[in-house]
Protein backbone atom coordinates (compact mmCIF):
# COMPACT_ATOMS: atom_id res chain seq x y z
CA MET A 1 13.99 21.37 34.71
CA SER A 2 14.57 22.42 31.11
CA ALA A 3 11.85 23.00 28.58
CA GLU A 4 12.27 21.71 25.05
CA THR A 5 12.60 24.26 22.31
CA PRO A 6 10.06 24.29 19.45
CA VAL A 7 12.73 22.86 17.14
CA GLN A 8 13.25 19.87 19.46
CA ASN A 9 9.49 19.37 19.71
CA ALA A 10 9.20 19.38 15.91
CA GLY A 11 12.05 16.87 15.63
CA THR A 12 10.43 14.54 18.18
CA PHE A 13 7.08 14.76 16.40
CA THR A 14 8.73 14.03 13.04
CA ARG A 15 10.57 11.00 14.46
CA LEU A 16 7.37 9.63 16.00
CA ARG A 17 5.45 10.22 12.78
CA LEU A 18 8.10 8.42 10.71
CA ARG A 19 8.21 5.51 13.15
CA PHE A 20 4.44 5.20 13.03
CA ARG A 21 4.51 5.32 9.22
CA ASP A 22 7.10 2.53 9.12
CA TRP A 23 5.05 0.45 11.58
CA ARG A 24 1.86 1.06 9.60
CA GLY A 25 3.50 0.08 6.30
CA THR A 26 4.44 -3.42 7.50
CA ARG A 27 0.90 -4.57 8.31
CA PRO A 28 -2.69 -4.28 6.98
CA PHE A 29 -3.30 -1.15 9.03
CA TRP A 30 -6.44 0.15 7.34
CA ALA A 31 -7.99 -3.31 7.23
CA GLY A 32 -7.56 -3.62 10.99
CA MET A 33 -8.83 -0.09 11.58
CA LEU A 34 -12.03 -0.59 9.55
CA THR A 35 -12.70 -4.00 11.11
CA LEU A 36 -12.19 -2.59 14.59
CA LEU A 37 -14.48 0.36 13.87
CA GLY A 38 -17.07 -1.99 12.36
CA GLY A 39 -17.38 -3.88 15.65
CA VAL A 40 -18.24 -0.76 17.65
CA PRO A 41 -21.71 0.06 16.23
CA ILE A 42 -22.65 -3.61 16.07
CA ALA A 43 -21.96 -4.02 19.80
CA TYR A 44 -23.18 -0.56 20.84
CA PHE A 45 -26.59 -0.06 19.26
CA PRO A 46 -28.46 -2.99 20.90
CA TYR A 47 -27.55 -1.60 24.35
CA ALA A 48 -27.92 2.11 23.59
CA THR A 49 -30.90 4.22 24.53
CA LEU A 50 -31.29 7.03 22.05
CA LYS A 51 -33.03 10.26 23.08
CA LEU A 52 -35.24 12.01 20.53
CA GLY A 53 -36.47 15.06 22.40
CA THR A 54 -38.46 13.72 25.35
CA MET A 55 -38.89 10.29 23.79
CA SER A 56 -36.32 7.59 24.55
CA LEU A 57 -35.79 4.90 21.97
CA ALA A 58 -34.36 1.58 23.22
CA MET A 59 -32.76 -0.71 20.65
CA ALA A 60 -32.16 -3.67 22.96
CA THR A 61 -33.27 -6.99 21.49
CA THR A 62 -33.33 -10.58 22.65
CA ALA A 63 -30.19 -11.13 20.58
CA GLY A 64 -28.23 -8.42 22.45
CA ALA A 65 -25.71 -10.96 23.71
CA GLY A 66 -25.06 -12.12 20.13
CA SER A 67 -24.48 -8.54 19.04
CA LEU A 68 -22.02 -7.99 21.87
CA ILE A 69 -20.11 -11.17 20.97
CA ILE A 70 -19.93 -10.23 17.28
CA GLY A 71 -18.77 -6.70 18.10
CA VAL A 72 -16.06 -7.90 20.50
CA LEU A 73 -14.87 -10.52 18.00
CA LEU A 74 -14.60 -7.89 15.25
CA VAL A 75 -12.57 -5.62 17.51
CA THR A 76 -10.32 -8.59 18.38
CA LEU A 77 -9.90 -9.48 14.70
CA GLY A 78 -8.95 -5.87 13.90
CA LEU A 79 -6.22 -5.96 16.55
CA THR A 80 -5.10 -9.37 15.25
CA MET A 81 -4.62 -7.89 11.77
CA TRP A 82 -2.32 -5.27 13.31
CA PHE A 83 -0.19 -7.46 15.55
CA GLN A 84 -0.35 -10.92 13.90
CA GLN A 85 0.05 -10.29 10.17
CA ALA A 86 0.54 -14.01 9.47
CA THR A 87 -3.13 -14.67 10.29
CA ARG A 88 -4.48 -11.82 8.16
CA VAL A 89 -6.29 -14.11 5.69
CA PHE A 90 -8.08 -16.02 8.44
CA ALA A 91 -8.92 -12.77 10.25
CA GLY A 92 -10.24 -11.22 7.02
CA VAL A 93 -12.46 -14.20 6.20
CA ALA A 94 -13.74 -14.33 9.79
CA ALA A 95 -14.52 -10.60 9.71
CA ILE A 96 -16.52 -11.02 6.48
CA VAL A 97 -18.51 -13.94 7.95
CA LEU A 98 -19.22 -12.06 11.19
CA ALA A 99 -20.32 -8.99 9.21
CA LEU A 100 -22.81 -11.14 7.27
CA VAL A 101 -24.10 -12.74 10.48
CA SER A 102 -24.56 -9.29 12.04
CA LEU A 103 -27.19 -8.46 9.42
CA VAL A 104 -29.53 -10.99 11.03
CA VAL A 105 -28.42 -10.81 14.66
CA SER A 106 -27.63 -7.15 15.35
CA ASN A 107 -30.12 -4.58 14.06
CA ILE A 108 -29.22 -4.99 10.39
CA GLY A 109 -25.51 -5.01 11.08
CA GLY A 110 -25.46 -1.95 13.32
CA PHE A 111 -27.72 -0.04 10.91
CA ILE A 112 -25.53 -1.10 7.95
CA ILE A 113 -22.62 1.03 9.26
CA GLY A 114 -20.85 -1.78 11.14
CA PHE A 115 -21.67 -4.25 8.37
CA LEU A 116 -20.03 -2.14 5.65
CA LEU A 117 -16.96 -1.27 7.74
CA ALA A 118 -16.36 -4.92 8.70
CA MET A 119 -16.90 -6.16 5.14
CA ILE A 120 -14.45 -3.66 3.65
CA GLY A 121 -11.90 -4.28 6.42
CA GLY A 122 -12.11 -8.05 5.93
CA ALA A 123 -11.71 -7.73 2.16
CA LEU A 124 -8.67 -5.46 2.61
CA ALA A 125 -7.10 -7.95 5.03
CA VAL A 126 -7.54 -10.86 2.61
CA SER A 127 -6.06 -8.91 -0.30
CA TRP A 128 -3.10 -7.35 1.60
CA VAL A 129 0.37 -8.78 0.92
CA PRO A 130 3.65 -7.65 2.48
CA GLY A 131 5.96 -5.65 0.25
CA GLU A 132 9.43 -6.83 -0.75
CA PRO A 133 12.30 -4.83 0.75
CA GLU A 134 14.47 -2.98 -1.77
CA ALA A 135 18.09 -4.03 -2.20
CA ALA A 136 20.39 -1.99 0.01
CA GLY A 137 22.23 0.74 -1.91
CA ALA A 138 20.45 0.02 -5.17
CA GLY A 139 18.65 2.72 -7.07
CA PRO A 140 15.03 2.33 -8.17
CA ARG A 141 16.02 0.92 -11.59
CA GLU A 142 18.52 -1.59 -10.18
CA ALA A 143 16.15 -2.71 -7.42
CA LYS A 144 13.46 -3.58 -9.99
CA GLN A 145 15.58 -4.97 -12.83
CA GLY A 146 18.69 -6.15 -10.96
CA PRO A 147 22.28 -5.33 -11.84
CA SER A 148 23.29 -5.37 -15.49
CA GLU A 149 25.05 -8.46 -16.79
CA GLU A 150 28.72 -8.39 -17.69
CA GLY A 151 29.41 -7.69 -21.31
CA ALA A 152 26.12 -5.84 -21.84
CA VAL A 153 26.47 -2.62 -23.79
CA GLU A 154 25.54 0.32 -21.55
CA PRO A 155 24.24 3.52 -23.15
CA ALA A 156 26.78 6.31 -23.45
CA PRO A 157 26.54 9.19 -20.95
CA GLY A 158 25.83 11.71 -23.69
CA GLY A 159 22.87 9.72 -25.01
CA ALA A 160 22.00 6.28 -26.35
CA VAL A 161 23.73 4.84 -29.41
CA GLY A 162 22.24 6.42 -32.48
CA GLU A 163 20.97 9.53 -30.64
CA PRO A 164 22.27 12.98 -31.49
CA GLY A 165 23.80 13.53 -28.03
CA ALA A 166 26.08 10.45 -28.17
CA PRO A 167 29.84 11.11 -28.35
CA HIS A 168 31.84 10.51 -31.55
CA GLY A 169 33.11 7.03 -32.27
CA VAL A 170 30.68 5.13 -30.04
CA GLN A 171 30.66 1.36 -30.57
CA ASP A 172 27.41 0.47 -32.35
CA PRO A 173 26.43 -3.10 -31.32
CA GLY A 174 24.36 -3.63 -34.50
CA GLN A 175 27.14 -2.67 -36.95
CA GLY A 176 30.19 -4.17 -35.21
CA GLY A 177 32.42 -1.11 -35.56
CA PRO A 178 32.77 2.50 -34.57
CA VAL A 179 30.22 4.88 -35.98
CA ASP A 180 31.22 8.38 -37.02
CA ARG A 181 28.71 10.86 -35.58
CA THR A 182 30.15 14.06 -37.02
CA PRO A 183 27.75 16.33 -38.95
CA GLU A 184 29.85 15.90 -42.11
CA ALA A 185 29.43 12.14 -42.02
CA ALA A 186 25.73 12.34 -41.20
CA GLY A 187 24.86 12.93 -44.86
CA ALA A 188 26.84 9.84 -45.93
CA HIS A 189 24.29 7.42 -44.41
CA ASP A 190 21.30 6.14 -46.28
CA SER A 191 17.86 5.54 -44.75
CA ASN A 192 18.71 1.95 -43.75
CA GLY A 193 21.65 2.95 -41.57
CA GLY A 194 24.34 1.74 -44.01
CA TYR A 195 26.90 3.76 -46.00
CA ARG A 196 26.26 5.12 -49.47
CA VAL A 197 28.95 4.48 -52.02
CA GLY A 198 30.10 7.40 -54.15
């Protein structure tokens, strides 16, 4: 029986954390979490007996069964947002409707706490869209703009055309010929970019 070293434990934790982050990024995670948490107070408070010193306060109402059904449905919708992303819009709309119904049925929506959590979770689920995967091997600029077309003039490594860091004799696309960038020739240009005669 061999114990893992702290380095191995740190590596395992890092791998699990990265896997969880990847899993979380492909679904409306926070929408499902808030909807799931919103169902708990809605289902719990009608059946709870709160103790205030020696006085017990019972919140049970005749609509306790309705509160339990709404709470269980919200928990189910939160799990659906996690594991069935294709139904996220339906689940979000259903969570918003159930949150509104809980205001009347379940002690003002679980004392407003469950109502607010379910409403925000449903709105997040409706507005969530999956991200587009980046092109493999492409940098951030190429992934957004795509590869450059053939024949397009790329900026020189030392700087863009017309900048002080550009190498001598760079092809200027606006003038049609090589441009002399030496300091001696810099005074021979007028303000419009053309050559002065004489």
